[in-house]
Amino acid sequence: MNRISGIFNDQRQYQQTLKQGNAAQRIELLRKLKSSILEKEDAIFRALYKDLRKSRFEAAVTELYFTYAEIDFAIKNLRHWMAPKRAGKTFSNLFAKNRIYYEPKGVCLIIAPWNYPFQLVMSPLVSAIAAGNCVIVKPSEISSNTSKIISSIILDAFDEQHVACFEGNAEVSQKLLQLPFDHIFFTGSTEIGKSVMAAAAKNLTSVTLELGGKSPTIIDQQVDLAKAAQKVAWGKLVNAGQTCIAPDYVLIHESRADEFIGLYKQFASEMYFKDKEAINQAAYGKIVSRKHFERLSDLITDAVDKGARINWGGKTDDQSQTIYPAILTQVPKEAKIMEEEIFGPILPIVTYRDLEEAIAFVNAKTKPLALYIFSKSDKNIKAIIKLTSAGGTCVNDVLVHIANPKLPFGGVNHSGIGSSHGFFGFKNFSHERSVVTQRSPDFNKLVYPPYDAKNWVLNLLKRIM
């Protein structure tokens, strides 16, 4: 704890120096971070394979290239983001100059998860640096190989008084949460998010929480079902389903369910199987830990015990911590798999008779991090968007909204608080400070009328005209 407190205090002092920096200095720091990552690319790929059995292609697309894009976008736009923004005038300050300044929040804490262990450290770190903050990073101990590489990169790119990394278990996180940070950025489960928020409240620390939830996919009758099945299969099974915005379950019109299931099996097999029986472990990830492997196995068992049917897949391999893609049908609402975020390659299929029934099903649950709609009907699409709430939504696609830095990414209520990526990430780590510069030396005389209100109004009109 002494080392943690020491670095935290050093960062609080250094923040005053850092705050005086300009855009060019911050851009140079971002370039240094990118350079350090580039030097260690091969080691990053190896670490991600050891932790999650991510293929080089998947790791490149979802972890490294995503991070490079985030850095490049910040470098390109940072000067514009940092520039004070004009604010409109009101009657009370007609003669004043009104501006919004973006100043660093101060010393920030980033607590990252294990499922995308590199990207979900680096993305908020880029935003925090761009906004001019000092940062302490706590990567996940579950993805320990990637955590070691992250620590090495940060040590190479920054002085600890600016950015520091602490590896370790939950005890380290608890020690960090006792400190009066200026902002905390947490990515993880809703339950742990509540604990983070409670700890932050003791110091009145602002928080960004990127959580999860049961992200639904609604498929109506008017749809290109082959394209829908292909995209849902990819979105559900990338990283073996361990994605916070993965389609959690599918709501599909009863007339199209069997056809969708057949197509889903086809595309899943093409992407991740060597043949009809054997999974291609070179392309398909493993479950991150024994604990999570057993949790997913228990979800399947619980659902079957309560009346669900395994329509396809679900084979498990204890030794390699692999759970084959699975489809569940006839799943009762009281099954745990319909109450908890799945975070694995198991897809429950729920049928409906009319769209109102599907919307009611979604609204009966907490607000999800993502909601996906597959339809050719503008009327149905608009109705679903209008009558539901979600952190983000894709129409006729999945996951891709996270890849556009011009869009805010974040949850709502149980699925999160605040937004990240691009300018939204920069703003998230900044305090928007209002600055009013008065230009009229006798402003008070103009704004606050004397007892003779008639003369005051006439005097004001003369000055304006």
Protein backbone atom coordinates (compact mmCIF):
# COMPACT_ATOMS: atom_id res chain seq x y z
CA MET A 1 0.00 0.00 0.00
CA ASN A 2 2.93 2.34 0.71
CA ARG A 3 4.13 2.17 -2.90
CA ILE A 4 0.60 2.72 -4.22
CA SER A 5 0.09 5.74 -1.96
CA GLY A 6 3.53 7.09 -2.83
CA ILE A 7 2.90 7.01 -6.58
CA PHE A 8 -0.59 8.41 -6.11
CA ASN A 9 0.82 11.38 -4.16
CA ASP A 10 3.56 11.88 -6.75
CA GLN A 11 0.91 12.00 -9.47
CA ARG A 12 -1.16 14.54 -7.55
CA GLN A 13 1.86 16.83 -7.43
CA TYR A 14 2.84 16.22 -11.05
CA GLN A 15 -0.70 16.91 -12.23
CA GLN A 16 -0.15 20.63 -11.62
CA THR A 17 2.81 20.56 -14.02
CA LEU A 18 1.03 18.36 -16.54
CA LYS A 19 -2.01 20.62 -16.57
CA GLN A 20 0.11 23.40 -18.07
CA GLY A 21 1.01 21.25 -21.10
CA ASN A 22 -0.23 21.89 -24.62
CA ALA A 23 -1.66 19.75 -27.42
CA ALA A 24 1.75 19.10 -28.99
CA GLN A 25 3.07 17.59 -25.75
CA ARG A 26 0.06 15.32 -25.34
CA ILE A 27 0.29 14.21 -28.97
CA GLU A 28 3.95 13.31 -28.46
CA LEU A 29 2.97 11.16 -25.47
CA LEU A 30 0.35 9.34 -27.55
CA ARG A 31 2.91 8.71 -30.28
CA LYS A 32 5.32 7.34 -27.70
CA LEU A 33 2.61 4.97 -26.43
CA LYS A 34 1.91 3.75 -29.95
CA SER A 35 5.59 3.23 -30.62
CA SER A 36 5.96 1.14 -27.46
CA ILE A 37 2.98 -1.01 -28.49
CA LEU A 38 4.38 -1.51 -31.99
CA GLU A 39 7.69 -2.71 -30.55
CA LYS A 40 5.93 -5.36 -28.50
CA GLU A 41 3.32 -6.55 -31.01
CA ASP A 42 4.52 -10.15 -31.16
CA ALA A 43 4.63 -10.40 -27.37
CA ILE A 44 1.08 -9.01 -27.19
CA PHE A 45 -0.16 -11.63 -29.66
CA ARG A 46 1.50 -14.41 -27.67
CA ALA A 47 0.03 -13.15 -24.39
CA LEU A 48 -3.49 -12.95 -25.80
CA TYR A 49 -3.18 -16.47 -27.15
CA LYS A 50 -2.04 -17.79 -23.78
CA ASP A 51 -4.81 -16.02 -21.88
CA LEU A 52 -7.76 -16.50 -24.23
CA ARG A 53 -6.46 -18.56 -27.16
CA LYS A 54 -7.15 -15.61 -29.45
CA SER A 55 -5.99 -16.15 -33.00
CA ARG A 56 -3.55 -13.61 -34.36
CA PHE A 57 -6.21 -12.31 -36.75
CA GLU A 58 -8.85 -11.87 -34.03
CA ALA A 59 -6.35 -10.28 -31.66
CA ALA A 60 -5.19 -7.88 -34.36
CA VAL A 61 -8.69 -6.73 -35.31
CA THR A 62 -10.29 -6.54 -31.86
CA GLU A 63 -7.33 -5.54 -29.71
CA LEU A 64 -4.34 -3.97 -31.49
CA TYR A 65 -5.80 -2.32 -34.58
CA PHE A 66 -8.66 -1.01 -32.48
CA THR A 67 -6.11 0.61 -30.16
CA TYR A 68 -4.05 2.05 -33.02
CA ALA A 69 -7.20 3.58 -34.52
CA GLU A 70 -8.08 5.14 -31.17
CA ILE A 71 -4.61 6.67 -30.84
CA ASP A 72 -4.53 7.97 -34.42
CA PHE A 73 -8.00 9.51 -34.10
CA ALA A 74 -7.00 11.31 -30.90
CA ILE A 75 -3.76 12.62 -32.44
CA LYS A 76 -5.64 13.92 -35.47
CA ASN A 77 -8.35 15.71 -33.51
CA LEU A 78 -6.76 16.66 -30.19
CA ARG A 79 -6.03 20.31 -30.99
CA HIS A 80 -9.67 20.82 -31.95
CA TRP A 81 -10.91 18.98 -28.85
CA MET A 82 -8.74 21.10 -26.53
CA ALA A 83 -9.72 24.44 -28.05
CA PRO A 84 -12.19 26.43 -25.91
CA LYS A 85 -15.72 26.16 -27.30
CA ARG A 86 -18.01 29.15 -27.80
CA ALA A 87 -21.17 29.22 -25.73
CA GLY A 88 -24.27 31.22 -26.54
CA LYS A 89 -25.19 34.48 -24.82
CA THR A 90 -28.24 35.33 -22.79
CA PHE A 91 -29.85 38.64 -21.82
CA SER A 92 -27.86 38.66 -18.59
CA ASN A 93 -24.45 38.64 -20.33
CA LEU A 94 -24.92 40.23 -23.72
CA PHE A 95 -21.52 41.90 -23.57
CA ALA A 96 -19.55 38.96 -22.21
CA LYS A 97 -17.39 36.36 -23.94
CA ASN A 98 -18.65 32.89 -23.00
CA ARG A 99 -16.41 29.86 -23.39
CA ILE A 100 -16.19 26.23 -22.28
CA TYR A 101 -12.70 25.09 -21.35
CA TYR A 102 -11.76 21.40 -21.12
CA GLU A 103 -9.42 20.87 -18.21
CA PRO A 104 -8.01 17.56 -16.89
CA LYS A 105 -9.94 15.94 -14.08
CA GLY A 106 -6.66 15.16 -12.32
CA VAL A 107 -5.47 11.73 -11.17
CA CYS A 108 -7.56 8.93 -12.68
CA LEU A 109 -7.89 5.20 -12.06
CA ILE A 110 -8.58 2.69 -14.84
CA ILE A 111 -9.70 -0.79 -13.78
CA ALA A 112 -9.85 -3.14 -16.76
CA PRO A 113 -11.41 -6.59 -17.36
CA TRP A 114 -9.98 -9.80 -18.79
CA ASN A 115 -12.10 -10.41 -21.90
CA TYR A 116 -10.41 -7.81 -24.13
CA PRO A 117 -7.53 -7.25 -21.73
CA PHE A 118 -5.38 -5.10 -23.99
CA GLN A 119 -7.95 -2.94 -25.77
CA LEU A 120 -9.97 -2.22 -22.63
CA VAL A 121 -6.89 -0.83 -20.89
CA MET A 122 -5.51 1.14 -23.82
CA SER A 123 -8.71 2.73 -25.10
CA PRO A 124 -9.55 4.63 -21.89
CA LEU A 125 -5.84 5.29 -21.31
CA VAL A 126 -5.63 7.08 -24.66
CA SER A 127 -8.59 9.28 -23.68
CA ALA A 128 -7.14 10.02 -20.25
CA ILE A 129 -3.76 11.04 -21.70
CA ALA A 130 -5.41 13.13 -24.41
CA ALA A 131 -7.33 14.99 -21.69
CA GLY A 132 -4.12 15.69 -19.76
CA ASN A 133 -4.54 13.46 -16.73
CA CYS A 134 -2.25 11.37 -14.58
CA VAL A 135 -3.33 7.73 -14.54
CA ILE A 136 -3.01 4.56 -12.50
CA VAL A 137 -3.93 1.41 -14.43
CA LYS A 138 -5.08 -1.86 -12.86
CA PRO A 139 -5.28 -4.63 -15.50
CA SER A 140 -7.02 -7.92 -14.77
CA GLU A 141 -5.08 -10.61 -12.95
CA ILE A 142 -7.16 -13.27 -14.75
CA SER A 143 -5.48 -12.40 -18.06
CA SER A 144 -2.09 -12.32 -16.35
CA ASN A 145 0.09 -12.73 -19.45
CA THR A 146 -1.45 -9.68 -21.11
CA SER A 147 -1.24 -7.73 -17.85
CA LYS A 148 2.54 -8.25 -17.78
CA ILE A 149 2.89 -6.87 -21.30
CA ILE A 150 0.68 -3.88 -20.48
CA SER A 151 2.83 -3.12 -17.44
CA SER A 152 5.97 -3.30 -19.59
CA ILE A 153 4.54 -0.98 -22.25
CA ILE A 154 3.46 1.62 -19.69
CA LEU A 155 6.84 1.48 -17.96
CA ASP A 156 8.59 2.07 -21.30
CA ALA A 157 6.32 4.90 -22.44
CA PHE A 158 5.75 6.94 -19.27
CA ASP A 159 7.24 8.08 -16.00
CA GLU A 160 5.34 6.63 -13.04
CA GLN A 161 4.46 10.12 -11.84
CA HIS A 162 2.39 10.36 -15.04
CA VAL A 163 1.13 6.82 -15.75
CA ALA A 164 1.69 3.79 -13.52
CA CYS A 165 0.48 0.20 -13.68
CA PHE A 166 -0.26 -2.07 -10.73
CA GLU A 167 -0.78 -5.77 -11.36
CA GLY A 168 -2.31 -8.07 -8.79
CA ASN A 169 -5.55 -9.50 -7.50
CA ALA A 170 -8.75 -7.94 -6.16
CA GLU A 171 -6.91 -6.87 -3.01
CA VAL A 172 -4.86 -4.42 -5.08
CA SER A 173 -8.07 -3.01 -6.58
CA GLN A 174 -9.53 -2.56 -3.10
CA LYS A 175 -6.45 -0.64 -1.94
CA LEU A 176 -6.61 1.60 -4.99
CA LEU A 177 -10.31 2.28 -4.47
CA GLN A 178 -9.58 3.66 -1.01
CA LEU A 179 -7.67 6.58 -2.56
CA PRO A 180 -9.37 9.90 -3.44
CA PHE A 181 -9.02 9.73 -7.23
CA ASP A 182 -10.51 12.49 -9.34
CA HIS A 183 -12.13 9.99 -11.72
CA ILE A 184 -12.51 6.21 -11.95
CA PHE A 185 -13.07 4.33 -15.21
CA PHE A 186 -14.23 0.77 -14.61
CA THR A 187 -15.10 -1.94 -17.13
CA GLY A 188 -16.61 -5.18 -15.84
CA SER A 189 -19.68 -6.77 -14.33
CA THR A 190 -22.66 -4.84 -12.99
CA GLU A 191 -22.23 -6.26 -9.48
CA ILE A 192 -18.59 -5.21 -9.18
CA GLY A 193 -19.52 -1.89 -10.80
CA LYS A 194 -21.85 -1.23 -7.87
CA SER A 195 -18.96 -1.83 -5.45
CA VAL A 196 -16.72 0.55 -7.42
CA MET A 197 -19.41 3.22 -7.38
CA ALA A 198 -19.93 2.79 -3.63
CA ALA A 199 -16.19 3.19 -3.00
CA ALA A 200 -16.03 6.25 -5.26
CA ALA A 201 -18.96 7.85 -3.42
CA LYS A 202 -16.90 8.00 -0.20
CA ASN A 203 -14.58 10.48 -1.92
CA LEU A 204 -17.20 12.05 -4.21
CA THR A 205 -15.19 10.70 -7.13
CA SER A 206 -16.85 10.76 -10.53
CA VAL A 207 -17.11 7.42 -12.34
CA THR A 208 -17.48 5.92 -15.77
CA LEU A 209 -18.88 2.40 -15.63
CA GLU A 210 -18.86 0.20 -18.72
CA LEU A 211 -20.85 -2.81 -17.61
CA GLY A 212 -22.92 -5.34 -19.53
CA GLY A 213 -26.31 -6.96 -19.39
CA LYS A 214 -28.40 -9.17 -21.58
CA SER A 215 -28.10 -7.58 -25.01
CA PRO A 216 -31.06 -8.79 -27.12
CA THR A 217 -31.29 -9.39 -30.85
CA ILE A 218 -34.75 -8.88 -32.35
CA ILE A 219 -35.38 -10.49 -35.75
CA ASP A 220 -38.73 -9.91 -37.45
CA GLN A 221 -40.39 -11.61 -40.42
CA GLN A 222 -39.21 -9.05 -42.99
CA VAL A 223 -35.53 -9.82 -43.00
CA ASP A 224 -32.66 -11.27 -45.00
CA LEU A 225 -32.30 -14.22 -42.64
CA ALA A 226 -29.01 -15.53 -44.06
CA LYS A 227 -27.25 -12.22 -43.44
CA ALA A 228 -28.81 -11.96 -39.99
CA ALA A 229 -27.68 -15.47 -39.02
CA GLN A 230 -24.16 -14.91 -40.30
CA LYS A 231 -23.71 -11.67 -38.38
CA VAL A 232 -25.26 -12.98 -35.19
CA ALA A 233 -23.03 -16.08 -35.34
CA TRP A 234 -19.93 -13.93 -35.71
CA GLY A 235 -20.96 -11.45 -33.01
CA LYS A 236 -21.92 -14.21 -30.58
CA LEU A 237 -18.87 -16.42 -31.06
CA VAL A 238 -15.97 -14.00 -31.46
CA ASN A 239 -13.75 -14.40 -28.38
CA ALA A 240 -15.84 -17.51 -27.56
CA GLY A 241 -18.76 -15.28 -26.65
CA GLN A 242 -16.81 -13.39 -23.98
CA THR A 243 -17.83 -9.98 -25.27
CA CYS A 244 -19.85 -7.44 -23.28
CA ILE A 245 -21.87 -6.41 -26.35
CA ALA A 246 -22.31 -9.90 -27.80
CA PRO A 247 -25.88 -10.85 -28.75
CA ASP A 248 -26.99 -12.47 -25.50
CA TYR A 249 -30.20 -14.05 -26.80
CA VAL A 250 -32.32 -13.93 -29.95
CA LEU A 251 -35.98 -12.94 -30.12
CA ILE A 252 -37.34 -14.18 -33.44
CA HIS A 253 -40.79 -14.50 -34.98
CA GLU A 254 -41.97 -18.06 -34.53
CA SER A 255 -42.38 -18.52 -38.30
CA ARG A 256 -38.64 -17.94 -38.94
CA ALA A 257 -37.03 -19.67 -35.94
CA ASP A 258 -36.22 -23.06 -37.48
CA GLU A 259 -34.75 -21.50 -40.60
CA PHE A 260 -32.60 -19.14 -38.53
CA ILE A 261 -31.28 -21.98 -36.38
CA GLY A 262 -30.27 -23.95 -39.47
CA LEU A 263 -28.44 -20.96 -40.94
CA TYR A 264 -26.75 -20.11 -37.63
CA LYS A 265 -25.38 -23.67 -37.39
CA GLN A 266 -24.10 -23.44 -40.96
CA PHE A 267 -22.23 -20.16 -40.49
CA ALA A 268 -20.89 -21.06 -37.05
CA SER A 269 -19.52 -24.31 -38.47
CA GLU A 270 -17.91 -22.54 -41.42
CA MET A 271 -16.18 -20.03 -39.15
CA TYR A 272 -15.05 -22.20 -36.25
CA PHE A 273 -15.13 -25.92 -37.05
CA LYS A 274 -12.61 -28.16 -38.82
CA ASP A 275 -15.39 -30.57 -39.72
CA LYS A 276 -18.87 -31.39 -38.43
CA GLU A 277 -17.53 -32.59 -35.08
CA ALA A 278 -14.19 -30.95 -34.29
CA ILE A 279 -13.76 -27.31 -33.30
CA ASN A 280 -10.88 -25.41 -34.90
CA GLN A 281 -8.93 -24.24 -31.86
CA ALA A 282 -6.70 -22.12 -34.06
CA ALA A 283 -9.71 -19.88 -34.77
CA TYR A 284 -11.94 -20.39 -31.73
CA GLY A 285 -11.06 -19.05 -28.30
CA LYS A 286 -11.10 -20.76 -24.93
CA ILE A 287 -12.99 -19.81 -21.78
CA VAL A 288 -10.61 -17.66 -19.77
CA SER A 289 -10.57 -19.61 -16.50
CA ARG A 290 -11.77 -22.76 -14.80
CA LYS A 291 -14.20 -20.69 -12.73
CA HIS A 292 -15.88 -19.19 -15.79
CA PHE A 293 -15.84 -22.54 -17.60
CA GLU A 294 -17.74 -24.13 -14.71
CA ARG A 295 -20.15 -21.20 -14.51
CA LEU A 296 -21.13 -21.61 -18.17
CA SER A 297 -21.44 -25.37 -17.82
CA ASP A 298 -23.73 -24.83 -14.84
CA LEU A 299 -25.89 -22.41 -16.85
CA ILE A 300 -26.49 -25.07 -19.49
CA THR A 301 -27.26 -27.73 -16.87
CA ASP A 302 -29.65 -25.43 -15.01
CA ALA A 303 -31.52 -24.53 -18.21
CA VAL A 304 -31.89 -28.17 -19.26
CA ASP A 305 -33.02 -29.19 -15.77
CA LYS A 306 -35.76 -26.55 -15.99
CA GLY A 307 -37.01 -27.72 -19.39
CA ALA A 308 -34.76 -26.16 -22.03
CA ARG A 309 -33.63 -28.17 -25.03
CA ILE A 310 -30.09 -28.24 -26.39
CA ASN A 311 -30.90 -27.84 -30.06
CA TRP A 312 -27.24 -27.94 -31.13
CA GLY A 313 -23.73 -28.12 -29.69
CA GLY A 314 -22.79 -27.48 -26.10
CA LYS A 315 -20.00 -30.04 -25.93
CA THR A 316 -17.38 -29.19 -23.30
CA ASP A 317 -13.67 -29.99 -23.08
CA ASP A 318 -12.39 -29.57 -19.52
CA GLN A 319 -8.73 -29.90 -20.42
CA SER A 320 -8.69 -27.09 -22.98
CA GLN A 321 -11.44 -25.03 -21.29
CA THR A 322 -13.45 -25.09 -24.50
CA ILE A 323 -17.23 -24.87 -24.74
CA TYR A 324 -18.55 -25.58 -28.20
CA PRO A 325 -21.12 -23.17 -29.68
CA ALA A 326 -24.58 -24.07 -28.40
CA ILE A 327 -28.19 -23.24 -29.19
CA LEU A 328 -30.89 -23.57 -26.54
CA THR A 329 -34.60 -23.56 -27.32
CA GLN A 330 -37.73 -23.71 -25.18
CA VAL A 331 -35.83 -21.96 -22.39
CA PRO A 332 -38.05 -21.07 -19.42
CA LYS A 333 -37.88 -17.48 -18.15
CA GLU A 334 -36.83 -18.64 -14.69
CA ALA A 335 -33.68 -20.36 -15.98
CA LYS A 336 -30.50 -18.63 -14.80
CA ILE A 337 -29.34 -18.25 -18.39
CA MET A 338 -32.28 -15.91 -19.03
CA GLU A 339 -31.51 -13.84 -15.94
CA GLU A 340 -27.70 -13.55 -15.96
CA GLU A 341 -25.42 -12.16 -18.66
CA ILE A 342 -24.15 -15.28 -20.43
CA PHE A 343 -20.68 -14.12 -21.50
CA GLY A 344 -20.08 -17.32 -23.44
CA PRO A 345 -20.91 -19.14 -26.71
CA ILE A 346 -24.44 -20.23 -25.69
CA LEU A 347 -27.36 -18.72 -27.62
CA PRO A 348 -30.92 -19.01 -26.27
CA ILE A 349 -33.63 -18.68 -28.93
CA VAL A 350 -36.93 -17.11 -27.80
CA THR A 351 -39.87 -16.99 -30.21
CA TYR A 352 -42.65 -14.41 -30.34
CA ARG A 353 -45.94 -14.01 -32.21
CA ASP A 354 -46.06 -10.23 -32.61
CA LEU A 355 -43.55 -7.41 -32.23
CA GLU A 356 -45.27 -5.98 -29.14
CA GLU A 357 -44.56 -9.26 -27.35
CA ALA A 358 -40.85 -9.05 -28.24
CA ILE A 359 -40.61 -5.42 -27.09
CA ALA A 360 -42.34 -6.27 -23.81
CA PHE A 361 -39.86 -9.13 -23.27
CA VAL A 362 -36.91 -6.75 -23.64
CA ASN A 363 -38.46 -4.06 -21.45
CA ALA A 364 -39.12 -6.54 -18.65
CA LYS A 365 -35.34 -6.75 -18.13
CA THR A 366 -32.81 -4.10 -17.15
CA LYS A 367 -31.57 -1.79 -19.90
CA PRO A 368 -28.91 -3.58 -21.98
CA LEU A 369 -25.54 -2.33 -23.17
CA ALA A 370 -26.53 -3.10 -26.77
CA LEU A 371 -29.67 -3.96 -28.72
CA TYR A 372 -29.64 -5.41 -32.23
CA ILE A 373 -32.44 -5.23 -34.78
CA PHE A 374 -32.69 -7.21 -38.01
CA SER A 375 -35.51 -6.07 -40.27
CA LYS A 376 -36.34 -4.52 -43.63
CA SER A 377 -39.36 -2.70 -42.16
CA ASP A 378 -38.69 0.95 -41.30
CA LYS A 379 -41.88 0.93 -39.27
CA ASN A 380 -40.73 -1.98 -37.12
CA ILE A 381 -37.21 -0.57 -36.73
CA LYS A 382 -38.51 2.81 -35.58
CA ALA A 383 -40.98 1.18 -33.19
CA ILE A 384 -38.30 -0.95 -31.53
CA ILE A 385 -35.91 2.00 -31.13
CA LYS A 386 -38.64 4.27 -29.80
CA LEU A 387 -40.12 1.78 -27.34
CA THR A 388 -36.90 0.35 -25.88
CA SER A 389 -33.74 1.73 -24.27
CA ALA A 390 -30.15 0.55 -24.67
CA GLY A 391 -26.61 1.87 -24.45
CA GLY A 392 -26.22 1.48 -28.23
CA THR A 393 -28.06 -0.10 -31.14
CA CYS A 394 -27.16 -1.60 -34.51
CA VAL A 395 -29.72 -2.18 -37.26
CA ASN A 396 -28.96 -5.17 -39.49
CA ASP A 397 -25.56 -5.64 -37.88
CA VAL A 398 -23.90 -6.38 -34.53
CA LEU A 399 -20.95 -5.01 -32.52
CA VAL A 400 -19.85 -2.48 -35.15
CA HIS A 401 -21.05 0.61 -33.29
CA ILE A 402 -18.12 0.24 -30.90
CA ALA A 403 -15.65 0.66 -33.78
CA ASN A 404 -16.72 4.20 -34.77
CA PRO A 405 -14.88 6.77 -32.59
CA LYS A 406 -17.34 9.44 -33.72
CA LEU A 407 -20.09 7.65 -31.77
CA PRO A 408 -20.38 7.56 -27.96
CA PHE A 409 -20.01 4.10 -26.47
CA GLY A 410 -21.53 3.33 -23.10
CA GLY A 411 -24.42 1.87 -21.19
CA VAL A 412 -27.48 3.15 -19.40
CA ASN A 413 -28.43 2.43 -15.78
CA HIS A 414 -27.53 -1.23 -15.05
CA SER A 415 -25.42 -1.46 -18.22
CA GLY A 416 -23.27 1.55 -17.43
CA ILE A 417 -22.75 5.23 -16.76
CA GLY A 418 -20.96 7.64 -19.10
CA SER A 419 -19.51 7.33 -22.59
CA SER A 420 -16.12 6.63 -24.11
CA HIS A 421 -14.14 6.64 -27.39
CA GLY A 422 -13.03 9.59 -29.47
CA PHE A 423 -14.17 13.02 -28.31
CA PHE A 424 -16.62 11.36 -25.91
CA GLY A 425 -13.71 9.66 -24.16
CA PHE A 426 -11.74 12.93 -24.07
CA LYS A 427 -14.74 14.73 -22.60
CA ASN A 428 -15.30 11.90 -20.13
CA PHE A 429 -11.85 12.48 -18.62
CA SER A 430 -12.21 16.27 -18.71
CA HIS A 431 -14.02 18.83 -16.60
CA GLU A 432 -16.07 21.23 -18.72
CA ARG A 433 -15.27 24.56 -17.10
CA SER A 434 -17.42 27.56 -17.93
CA VAL A 435 -15.52 30.85 -18.27
CA VAL A 436 -17.31 34.19 -18.67
CA THR A 437 -15.15 37.20 -19.55
CA GLN A 438 -17.01 40.44 -19.00
CA ARG A 439 -16.32 43.16 -21.56
CA SER A 440 -18.56 45.97 -20.24
CA PRO A 441 -17.05 47.96 -17.33
CA ASP A 442 -20.51 49.06 -16.16
CA PHE A 443 -22.14 45.64 -16.61
CA ASN A 444 -23.75 45.71 -13.18
CA LYS A 445 -25.41 49.01 -13.92
CA LEU A 446 -26.90 47.53 -17.07
CA VAL A 447 -28.10 44.27 -15.61
CA TYR A 448 -29.34 45.38 -12.20
CA PRO A 449 -31.98 48.12 -12.65
CA PRO A 450 -32.24 51.12 -10.34
CA TYR A 451 -35.48 52.03 -8.74
CA ASP A 452 -36.33 54.07 -11.83
CA ALA A 453 -36.91 51.04 -14.10
CA LYS A 454 -38.15 53.16 -17.01
CA ASN A 455 -34.88 55.09 -17.36
CA TRP A 456 -32.89 51.86 -16.92
CA VAL A 457 -34.69 50.22 -19.86
CA LEU A 458 -34.24 53.28 -22.07
CA ASN A 459 -30.53 53.43 -21.21
CA LEU A 460 -30.08 49.74 -22.00
CA LEU A 461 -31.83 50.06 -25.38
CA LYS A 462 -29.62 53.00 -26.33
CA ARG A 463 -26.47 51.02 -25.59
CA ILE A 464 -27.66 47.98 -27.54
CA MET A 465 -28.81 49.97 -30.56
